[in-house]
Amino acid sequence: MSVPDNPLAVLTLIAAPAVFTNASSVLVLGTGNRLARVVDRTRYIAQQLRNEHDRALCQMYSTQLERLEKRGQKLVGGMTFFYTAVGSFAAASLVSLLGAMLAETHYRLSFALIAALVLIASSVGFVGLSSGCTLLVQETRLALQSLRDEGRIIRDSLRELSNKP
């Protein structure tokens, strides 16, 4: 089967990677924003830690700093995977387009070769997209863990204040 015999195959080979390229790009932008928030929060916590004398708060801030470092690493890893996915999906789109254009020339490429190249590039992109999303979920769980700890410290402080005569 050649590429011109199946126009839907051409459309699928070009459109699917393009849609995934867009999705990966959006995730890169969102992950970059999350990383910026982690940097801001790290600076804030470091400042609070320098000025804090309460032992429980110092311990909480210290734990949060450790989690922020882990969150930052996961976000950078996620961005790396997302950028890999963007590049891979873009390559798959380009190969598809190039194959469709060359199908009508004397450089006629086989549909199987084009499909194999697109499948390889798309598979790399899919693994990158999936791996990046997994890291974002892990990073979100770390953020939630810090939020719970902070809430517990605040509730404990409020209880102590309400128990004082």
N, C-alpha and C. Protein backbone atom coordinates (compact mmCIF):
# COMPACT_ATOMS: atom_id res chain seq x y z
N MET A 1 0.85 -1.17 0.00
CA MET A 1 0.00 0.00 0.00
C MET A 1 0.90 1.24 0.00
N SER A 2 0.64 2.18 -0.87
CA SER A 2 1.43 3.39 -0.92
C SER A 2 0.68 4.52 -0.22
N VAL A 3 1.40 5.56 0.11
CA VAL A 3 0.82 6.69 0.83
C VAL A 3 -0.35 7.32 0.07
N PRO A 4 -0.24 7.56 -1.26
CA PRO A 4 -1.35 8.20 -1.96
C PRO A 4 -2.62 7.34 -2.00
N ASP A 5 -2.50 6.05 -1.83
CA ASP A 5 -3.67 5.17 -1.84
C ASP A 5 -4.53 5.33 -0.60
N ASN A 6 -3.99 5.90 0.44
CA ASN A 6 -4.74 6.04 1.68
C ASN A 6 -4.55 7.44 2.26
N PRO A 7 -5.38 8.40 1.83
CA PRO A 7 -5.23 9.77 2.34
C PRO A 7 -5.48 9.88 3.84
N LEU A 8 -6.29 9.01 4.40
CA LEU A 8 -6.51 9.05 5.85
C LEU A 8 -5.25 8.67 6.61
N ALA A 9 -4.46 7.79 6.05
CA ALA A 9 -3.20 7.41 6.69
C ALA A 9 -2.27 8.61 6.73
N VAL A 10 -2.23 9.37 5.62
CA VAL A 10 -1.39 10.57 5.59
C VAL A 10 -1.87 11.56 6.65
N LEU A 11 -3.18 11.77 6.71
CA LEU A 11 -3.74 12.70 7.69
C LEU A 11 -3.42 12.26 9.11
N THR A 12 -3.57 10.98 9.37
CA THR A 12 -3.28 10.45 10.70
C THR A 12 -1.79 10.57 11.03
N LEU A 13 -0.95 10.24 10.08
CA LEU A 13 0.50 10.30 10.31
C LEU A 13 0.96 11.73 10.60
N ILE A 14 0.29 12.71 10.04
CA ILE A 14 0.69 14.10 10.26
C ILE A 14 -0.04 14.72 11.45
N ALA A 15 -1.35 14.50 11.54
CA ALA A 15 -2.15 15.18 12.57
C ALA A 15 -1.89 14.66 13.98
N ALA A 16 -1.78 13.36 14.15
CA ALA A 16 -1.60 12.81 15.49
C ALA A 16 -0.34 13.34 16.17
N PRO A 17 0.82 13.27 15.51
CA PRO A 17 2.02 13.84 16.16
C PRO A 17 1.89 15.35 16.41
N ALA A 18 1.21 16.05 15.51
CA ALA A 18 1.05 17.50 15.70
C ALA A 18 0.22 17.80 16.94
N VAL A 19 -0.82 17.03 17.17
CA VAL A 19 -1.66 17.22 18.37
C VAL A 19 -0.85 16.92 19.62
N PHE A 20 -0.08 15.84 19.59
CA PHE A 20 0.76 15.49 20.74
C PHE A 20 1.87 16.51 20.96
N THR A 21 2.39 17.10 19.88
CA THR A 21 3.39 18.16 20.01
C THR A 21 2.80 19.33 20.77
N ASN A 22 1.57 19.69 20.42
CA ASN A 22 0.90 20.80 21.11
C ASN A 22 0.66 20.46 22.58
N ALA A 23 0.21 19.28 22.87
CA ALA A 23 -0.04 18.88 24.26
C ALA A 23 1.26 18.91 25.07
N SER A 24 2.33 18.42 24.49
CA SER A 24 3.63 18.42 25.18
C SER A 24 4.11 19.85 25.43
N SER A 25 3.89 20.73 24.45
CA SER A 25 4.30 22.13 24.60
C SER A 25 3.54 22.80 25.74
N VAL A 26 2.27 22.53 25.85
CA VAL A 26 1.48 23.10 26.95
C VAL A 26 2.00 22.59 28.29
N LEU A 27 2.36 21.31 28.36
CA LEU A 27 2.92 20.76 29.59
C LEU A 27 4.27 21.38 29.92
N VAL A 28 5.08 21.67 28.91
CA VAL A 28 6.36 22.34 29.15
C VAL A 28 6.12 23.71 29.79
N LEU A 29 5.18 24.46 29.25
CA LEU A 29 4.87 25.79 29.80
C LEU A 29 4.38 25.70 31.24
N GLY A 30 3.46 24.79 31.49
CA GLY A 30 2.94 24.63 32.85
C GLY A 30 4.01 24.18 33.82
N THR A 31 4.88 23.29 33.38
CA THR A 31 5.94 22.79 34.24
C THR A 31 6.95 23.89 34.55
N GLY A 32 7.22 24.73 33.56
CA GLY A 32 8.10 25.88 33.78
C GLY A 32 7.54 26.81 34.84
N ASN A 33 6.23 27.04 34.79
CA ASN A 33 5.58 27.87 35.81
C ASN A 33 5.66 27.23 37.18
N ARG A 34 5.46 25.93 37.24
CA ARG A 34 5.55 25.23 38.52
C ARG A 34 6.96 25.32 39.09
N LEU A 35 7.95 25.19 38.21
CA LEU A 35 9.34 25.29 38.66
C LEU A 35 9.62 26.69 39.22
N ALA A 36 9.10 27.71 38.57
CA ALA A 36 9.28 29.07 39.07
C ALA A 36 8.65 29.24 40.45
N ARG A 37 7.49 28.63 40.65
CA ARG A 37 6.84 28.70 41.97
C ARG A 37 7.66 27.97 43.03
N VAL A 38 8.28 26.85 42.66
CA VAL A 38 9.13 26.12 43.60
C VAL A 38 10.34 26.97 43.97
N VAL A 39 10.93 27.65 43.00
CA VAL A 39 12.07 28.53 43.28
C VAL A 39 11.64 29.65 44.22
N ASP A 40 10.50 30.28 43.94
CA ASP A 40 10.00 31.36 44.81
C ASP A 40 9.74 30.84 46.22
N ARG A 41 9.10 29.69 46.31
CA ARG A 41 8.78 29.12 47.62
C ARG A 41 10.06 28.75 48.38
N THR A 42 11.06 28.25 47.68
CA THR A 42 12.34 27.90 48.31
C THR A 42 12.98 29.15 48.90
N ARG A 43 12.97 30.22 48.16
CA ARG A 43 13.54 31.47 48.67
C ARG A 43 12.77 31.98 49.89
N TYR A 44 11.45 31.88 49.83
CA TYR A 44 10.63 32.33 50.96
C TYR A 44 10.91 31.48 52.20
N ILE A 45 10.92 30.16 52.03
CA ILE A 45 11.16 29.26 53.17
C ILE A 45 12.55 29.48 53.74
N ALA A 46 13.54 29.68 52.89
CA ALA A 46 14.90 29.93 53.37
C ALA A 46 14.94 31.20 54.21
N GLN A 47 14.23 32.22 53.77
CA GLN A 47 14.16 33.47 54.54
C GLN A 47 13.45 33.25 55.88
N GLN A 48 12.36 32.54 55.86
CA GLN A 48 11.62 32.25 57.09
C GLN A 48 12.49 31.45 58.07
N LEU A 49 13.23 30.51 57.54
CA LEU A 49 14.09 29.66 58.38
C LEU A 49 15.18 30.49 59.07
N ARG A 50 15.70 31.48 58.35
CA ARG A 50 16.72 32.35 58.95
C ARG A 50 16.17 33.17 60.11
N ASN A 51 14.89 33.51 60.05
CA ASN A 51 14.29 34.41 61.05
C ASN A 51 13.47 33.69 62.12
N GLU A 52 13.31 32.39 62.00
CA GLU A 52 12.42 31.65 62.90
C GLU A 52 13.20 31.06 64.07
N HIS A 53 12.57 31.11 65.24
CA HIS A 53 13.20 30.56 66.45
C HIS A 53 12.37 29.45 67.07
N ASP A 54 11.16 29.26 66.58
CA ASP A 54 10.30 28.19 67.08
C ASP A 54 10.79 26.85 66.50
N ARG A 55 11.06 25.89 67.39
CA ARG A 55 11.64 24.62 66.97
C ARG A 55 10.75 23.85 66.00
N ALA A 56 9.45 23.81 66.25
CA ALA A 56 8.54 23.07 65.38
C ALA A 56 8.49 23.69 63.99
N LEU A 57 8.45 25.02 63.93
CA LEU A 57 8.43 25.70 62.64
C LEU A 57 9.75 25.52 61.90
N CYS A 58 10.86 25.58 62.62
CA CYS A 58 12.16 25.36 61.99
C CYS A 58 12.24 23.96 61.38
N GLN A 59 11.74 22.98 62.11
CA GLN A 59 11.75 21.60 61.60
C GLN A 59 10.87 21.49 60.36
N MET A 60 9.69 22.12 60.40
CA MET A 60 8.79 22.09 59.25
C MET A 60 9.44 22.75 58.04
N TYR A 61 10.04 23.92 58.25
CA TYR A 61 10.68 24.63 57.14
C TYR A 61 11.85 23.82 56.56
N SER A 62 12.60 23.19 57.45
CA SER A 62 13.72 22.36 56.99
C SER A 62 13.22 21.20 56.14
N THR A 63 12.16 20.55 56.60
CA THR A 63 11.56 19.45 55.84
C THR A 63 11.02 19.95 54.51
N GLN A 64 10.39 21.13 54.53
CA GLN A 64 9.86 21.69 53.29
C GLN A 64 10.98 22.00 52.29
N LEU A 65 12.11 22.49 52.79
CA LEU A 65 13.23 22.77 51.90
C LEU A 65 13.71 21.49 51.20
N GLU A 66 13.78 20.41 51.96
CA GLU A 66 14.18 19.12 51.37
C GLU A 66 13.18 18.70 50.30
N ARG A 67 11.89 18.85 50.59
CA ARG A 67 10.86 18.48 49.61
C ARG A 67 10.91 19.40 48.39
N LEU A 68 11.17 20.67 48.63
CA LEU A 68 11.27 21.60 47.50
C LEU A 68 12.41 21.22 46.57
N GLU A 69 13.52 20.77 47.14
CA GLU A 69 14.63 20.31 46.30
C GLU A 69 14.19 19.11 45.46
N LYS A 70 13.49 18.17 46.08
CA LYS A 70 13.01 16.99 45.35
C LYS A 70 12.00 17.41 44.29
N ARG A 71 11.11 18.33 44.65
CA ARG A 71 10.12 18.82 43.68
C ARG A 71 10.83 19.46 42.49
N GLY A 72 11.84 20.27 42.77
CA GLY A 72 12.58 20.92 41.69
C GLY A 72 13.22 19.89 40.76
N GLN A 73 13.80 18.84 41.34
CA GLN A 73 14.41 17.79 40.53
C GLN A 73 13.37 17.08 39.66
N LYS A 74 12.23 16.81 40.24
CA LYS A 74 11.17 16.13 39.48
C LYS A 74 10.65 17.03 38.36
N LEU A 75 10.53 18.32 38.64
CA LEU A 75 10.05 19.24 37.61
C LEU A 75 11.06 19.38 36.47
N VAL A 76 12.33 19.46 36.79
CA VAL A 76 13.36 19.53 35.74
C VAL A 76 13.36 18.23 34.94
N GLY A 77 13.23 17.11 35.62
CA GLY A 77 13.13 15.83 34.91
C GLY A 77 11.90 15.79 34.01
N GLY A 78 10.77 16.27 34.53
CA GLY A 78 9.55 16.32 33.73
C GLY A 78 9.71 17.20 32.51
N MET A 79 10.34 18.37 32.70
CA MET A 79 10.57 19.25 31.56
C MET A 79 11.47 18.59 30.52
N THR A 80 12.47 17.87 30.97
CA THR A 80 13.36 17.16 30.05
C THR A 80 12.56 16.15 29.22
N PHE A 81 11.71 15.39 29.89
CA PHE A 81 10.88 14.43 29.17
C PHE A 81 9.91 15.13 28.21
N PHE A 82 9.31 16.24 28.66
CA PHE A 82 8.38 16.95 27.80
C PHE A 82 9.07 17.56 26.58
N TYR A 83 10.26 18.10 26.78
CA TYR A 83 11.01 18.64 25.62
C TYR A 83 11.39 17.51 24.67
N THR A 84 11.74 16.37 25.20
CA THR A 84 12.04 15.21 24.36
C THR A 84 10.79 14.83 23.56
N ALA A 85 9.65 14.85 24.23
CA ALA A 85 8.39 14.52 23.55
C ALA A 85 8.09 15.53 22.45
N VAL A 86 8.27 16.82 22.73
CA VAL A 86 8.02 17.85 21.72
C VAL A 86 8.89 17.58 20.49
N GLY A 87 10.17 17.37 20.72
CA GLY A 87 11.08 17.11 19.61
C GLY A 87 10.72 15.85 18.84
N SER A 88 10.35 14.81 19.56
CA SER A 88 10.02 13.54 18.91
C SER A 88 8.73 13.65 18.10
N PHE A 89 7.72 14.27 18.67
CA PHE A 89 6.47 14.43 17.93
C PHE A 89 6.64 15.36 16.74
N ALA A 90 7.44 16.40 16.91
CA ALA A 90 7.71 17.29 15.78
C ALA A 90 8.45 16.53 14.67
N ALA A 91 9.41 15.69 15.05
CA ALA A 91 10.13 14.88 14.06
C ALA A 91 9.17 13.93 13.35
N ALA A 92 8.26 13.34 14.11
CA ALA A 92 7.28 12.43 13.49
C ALA A 92 6.40 13.18 12.49
N SER A 93 5.99 14.38 12.84
CA SER A 93 5.19 15.19 11.91
C SER A 93 5.98 15.52 10.66
N LEU A 94 7.24 15.90 10.84
CA LEU A 94 8.08 16.26 9.70
C LEU A 94 8.32 15.07 8.79
N VAL A 95 8.62 13.92 9.37
CA VAL A 95 8.83 12.71 8.56
C VAL A 95 7.55 12.36 7.80
N SER A 96 6.41 12.49 8.45
CA SER A 96 5.13 12.21 7.78
C SER A 96 4.91 13.14 6.61
N LEU A 97 5.13 14.40 6.84
CA LEU A 97 4.95 15.39 5.79
C LEU A 97 5.93 15.16 4.64
N LEU A 98 7.17 14.92 4.99
CA LEU A 98 8.19 14.66 3.97
C LEU A 98 7.84 13.40 3.17
N GLY A 99 7.41 12.39 3.85
CA GLY A 99 7.01 11.15 3.17
C GLY A 99 5.83 11.36 2.25
N ALA A 100 4.86 12.15 2.69
CA ALA A 100 3.70 12.43 1.85
C ALA A 100 4.11 13.22 0.61
N MET A 101 5.03 14.16 0.78
CA MET A 101 5.48 14.96 -0.37
C MET A 101 6.30 14.11 -1.34
N LEU A 102 7.16 13.26 -0.83
CA LEU A 102 8.02 12.45 -1.68
C LEU A 102 7.28 11.29 -2.35
N ALA A 103 6.10 10.97 -1.84
CA ALA A 103 5.35 9.84 -2.39
C ALA A 103 4.98 10.07 -3.85
N GLU A 104 4.82 11.29 -4.25
CA GLU A 104 4.42 11.61 -5.61
C GLU A 104 5.61 11.94 -6.51
N THR A 105 6.82 11.83 -6.02
CA THR A 105 8.00 12.15 -6.83
C THR A 105 8.71 10.86 -7.25
N HIS A 106 9.79 11.03 -7.98
CA HIS A 106 10.56 9.84 -8.37
C HIS A 106 11.40 9.29 -7.20
N TYR A 107 11.38 9.99 -6.05
CA TYR A 107 12.04 9.49 -4.83
C TYR A 107 11.09 8.65 -3.99
N ARG A 108 10.07 8.18 -4.56
CA ARG A 108 8.97 7.46 -3.90
C ARG A 108 9.47 6.57 -2.75
N LEU A 109 9.00 6.88 -1.56
CA LEU A 109 9.34 6.07 -0.38
C LEU A 109 8.19 5.11 -0.09
N SER A 110 8.51 4.01 0.52
CA SER A 110 7.44 3.06 0.84
C SER A 110 6.67 3.53 2.07
N PHE A 111 5.41 3.24 2.07
CA PHE A 111 4.56 3.59 3.20
C PHE A 111 5.07 2.92 4.48
N ALA A 112 5.55 1.72 4.37
CA ALA A 112 6.05 0.97 5.54
C ALA A 112 7.25 1.68 6.16
N LEU A 113 8.15 2.20 5.33
CA LEU A 113 9.31 2.90 5.86
C LEU A 113 8.90 4.19 6.57
N ILE A 114 8.03 4.95 5.94
CA ILE A 114 7.55 6.19 6.55
C ILE A 114 6.83 5.89 7.87
N ALA A 115 5.94 4.92 7.83
CA ALA A 115 5.19 4.56 9.03
C ALA A 115 6.11 4.09 10.15
N ALA A 116 7.16 3.34 9.80
CA ALA A 116 8.10 2.85 10.82
C ALA A 116 8.84 4.02 11.47
N LEU A 117 9.32 4.96 10.66
CA LEU A 117 10.02 6.12 11.22
C LEU A 117 9.10 6.95 12.11
N VAL A 118 7.88 7.15 11.65
CA VAL A 118 6.91 7.92 12.44
C VAL A 118 6.58 7.17 13.74
N LEU A 119 6.44 5.87 13.65
CA LEU A 119 6.13 5.07 14.85
C LEU A 119 7.27 5.15 15.87
N ILE A 120 8.49 5.09 15.41
CA ILE A 120 9.64 5.18 16.32
C ILE A 120 9.66 6.55 17.01
N ALA A 121 9.57 7.61 16.21
CA ALA A 121 9.61 8.97 16.79
C ALA A 121 8.41 9.20 17.71
N SER A 122 7.24 8.73 17.31
CA SER A 122 6.04 8.91 18.15
C SER A 122 6.14 8.10 19.44
N SER A 123 6.73 6.93 19.36
CA SER A 123 6.90 6.10 20.57
C SER A 123 7.83 6.78 21.57
N VAL A 124 8.93 7.35 21.07
CA VAL A 124 9.83 8.10 21.96
C VAL A 124 9.08 9.27 22.59
N GLY A 125 8.28 9.96 21.77
CA GLY A 125 7.49 11.07 22.29
C GLY A 125 6.48 10.63 23.34
N PHE A 126 5.83 9.50 23.08
CA PHE A 126 4.83 9.01 24.03
C PHE A 126 5.47 8.63 25.36
N VAL A 127 6.62 7.98 25.29
CA VAL A 127 7.33 7.62 26.53
C VAL A 127 7.73 8.89 27.29
N GLY A 128 8.21 9.89 26.56
CA GLY A 128 8.58 11.16 27.20
C GLY A 128 7.38 11.83 27.83
N LEU A 129 6.27 11.86 27.12
CA LEU A 129 5.05 12.49 27.64
C LEU A 129 4.56 11.75 28.88
N SER A 130 4.52 10.44 28.81
CA SER A 130 4.05 9.63 29.96
C SER A 130 4.98 9.76 31.16
N SER A 131 6.28 9.71 30.91
CA SER A 131 7.25 9.82 32.01
C SER A 131 7.19 11.19 32.66
N GLY A 132 7.07 12.24 31.85
CA GLY A 132 6.95 13.59 32.39
C GLY A 132 5.71 13.74 33.25
N CYS A 133 4.60 13.19 32.78
CA CYS A 133 3.36 13.28 33.56
C CYS A 133 3.49 12.53 34.89
N THR A 134 4.16 11.40 34.88
CA THR A 134 4.38 10.64 36.11
C THR A 134 5.18 11.48 37.11
N LEU A 135 6.21 12.16 36.64
CA LEU A 135 7.01 13.02 37.53
C LEU A 135 6.18 14.18 38.07
N LEU A 136 5.28 14.72 37.26
CA LEU A 136 4.44 15.82 37.74
C LEU A 136 3.48 15.34 38.84
N VAL A 137 2.98 14.14 38.70
CA VAL A 137 2.11 13.60 39.75
C VAL A 137 2.90 13.42 41.05
N GLN A 138 4.12 12.90 40.95
CA GLN A 138 4.96 12.74 42.13
C GLN A 138 5.27 14.09 42.77
N GLU A 139 5.55 15.09 41.95
CA GLU A 139 5.85 16.43 42.46
C GLU A 139 4.64 17.01 43.17
N THR A 140 3.47 16.80 42.62
CA THR A 140 2.23 17.30 43.23
C THR A 140 1.99 16.64 44.58
N ARG A 141 2.30 15.37 44.68
CA ARG A 141 2.14 14.66 45.97
C ARG A 141 3.08 15.23 47.03
N LEU A 142 4.30 15.57 46.63
CA LEU A 142 5.23 16.20 47.58
C LEU A 142 4.71 17.56 48.04
N ALA A 143 4.15 18.32 47.12
CA ALA A 143 3.59 19.63 47.48
C ALA A 143 2.44 19.46 48.47
N LEU A 144 1.59 18.49 48.22
CA LEU A 144 0.46 18.24 49.11
C LEU A 144 0.92 17.78 50.49
N GLN A 145 1.98 17.00 50.53
CA GLN A 145 2.53 16.53 51.80
C GLN A 145 3.01 17.73 52.63
N SER A 146 3.68 18.69 52.00
CA SER A 146 4.13 19.89 52.71
C SER A 146 2.95 20.71 53.18
N LEU A 147 1.93 20.78 52.36
CA LEU A 147 0.73 21.53 52.74
C LEU A 147 0.06 20.91 53.96
N ARG A 148 -0.01 19.60 54.00
CA ARG A 148 -0.57 18.91 55.17
C ARG A 148 0.23 19.19 56.43
N ASP A 149 1.56 19.12 56.31
CA ASP A 149 2.42 19.39 57.47
C ASP A 149 2.23 20.81 57.98
N GLU A 150 2.16 21.74 57.06
CA GLU A 150 1.98 23.14 57.45
C GLU A 150 0.63 23.34 58.13
N GLY A 151 -0.40 22.71 57.59
CA GLY A 151 -1.73 22.79 58.20
C GLY A 151 -1.74 22.20 59.61
N ARG A 152 -1.04 21.08 59.78
CA ARG A 152 -0.97 20.45 61.11
C ARG A 152 -0.29 21.36 62.12
N ILE A 153 0.81 21.99 61.72
CA ILE A 153 1.54 22.90 62.62
C ILE A 153 0.65 24.07 63.01
N ILE A 154 -0.06 24.61 62.05
CA ILE A 154 -0.94 25.75 62.33
C ILE A 154 -2.07 25.33 63.26
N ARG A 155 -2.69 24.18 63.00
CA ARG A 155 -3.77 23.71 63.87
C ARG A 155 -3.27 23.46 65.29
N ASP A 156 -2.07 22.87 65.41
CA ASP A 156 -1.49 22.63 66.73
C ASP A 156 -1.24 23.96 67.46
N SER A 157 -0.75 24.95 66.75
CA SER A 157 -0.52 26.27 67.35
C SER A 157 -1.82 26.91 67.81
N LEU A 158 -2.84 26.77 67.00
CA LEU A 158 -4.14 27.34 67.36
C LEU A 158 -4.72 26.63 68.59
N ARG A 159 -4.55 25.32 68.68
CA ARG A 159 -5.01 24.57 69.84
C ARG A 159 -4.29 25.04 71.12
N GLU A 160 -2.97 25.22 70.99
CA GLU A 160 -2.19 25.69 72.14
C GLU A 160 -2.67 27.06 72.58
N LEU A 161 -2.95 27.94 71.63
CA LEU A 161 -3.43 29.29 71.99
C LEU A 161 -4.79 29.23 72.64
N SER A 162 -5.67 28.35 72.16
CA SER A 162 -7.01 28.28 72.73
C SER A 162 -7.02 27.61 74.10
N ASN A 163 -6.00 26.81 74.43
CA ASN A 163 -5.91 26.15 75.72
C ASN A 163 -5.26 27.03 76.79
N LYS A 164 -4.62 28.11 76.38
CA LYS A 164 -4.00 29.01 77.35
C LYS A 164 -5.07 29.86 78.02
N PRO A 165 -4.92 30.07 79.35
CA PRO A 165 -5.93 30.87 80.06
C PRO A 165 -5.82 32.35 79.73
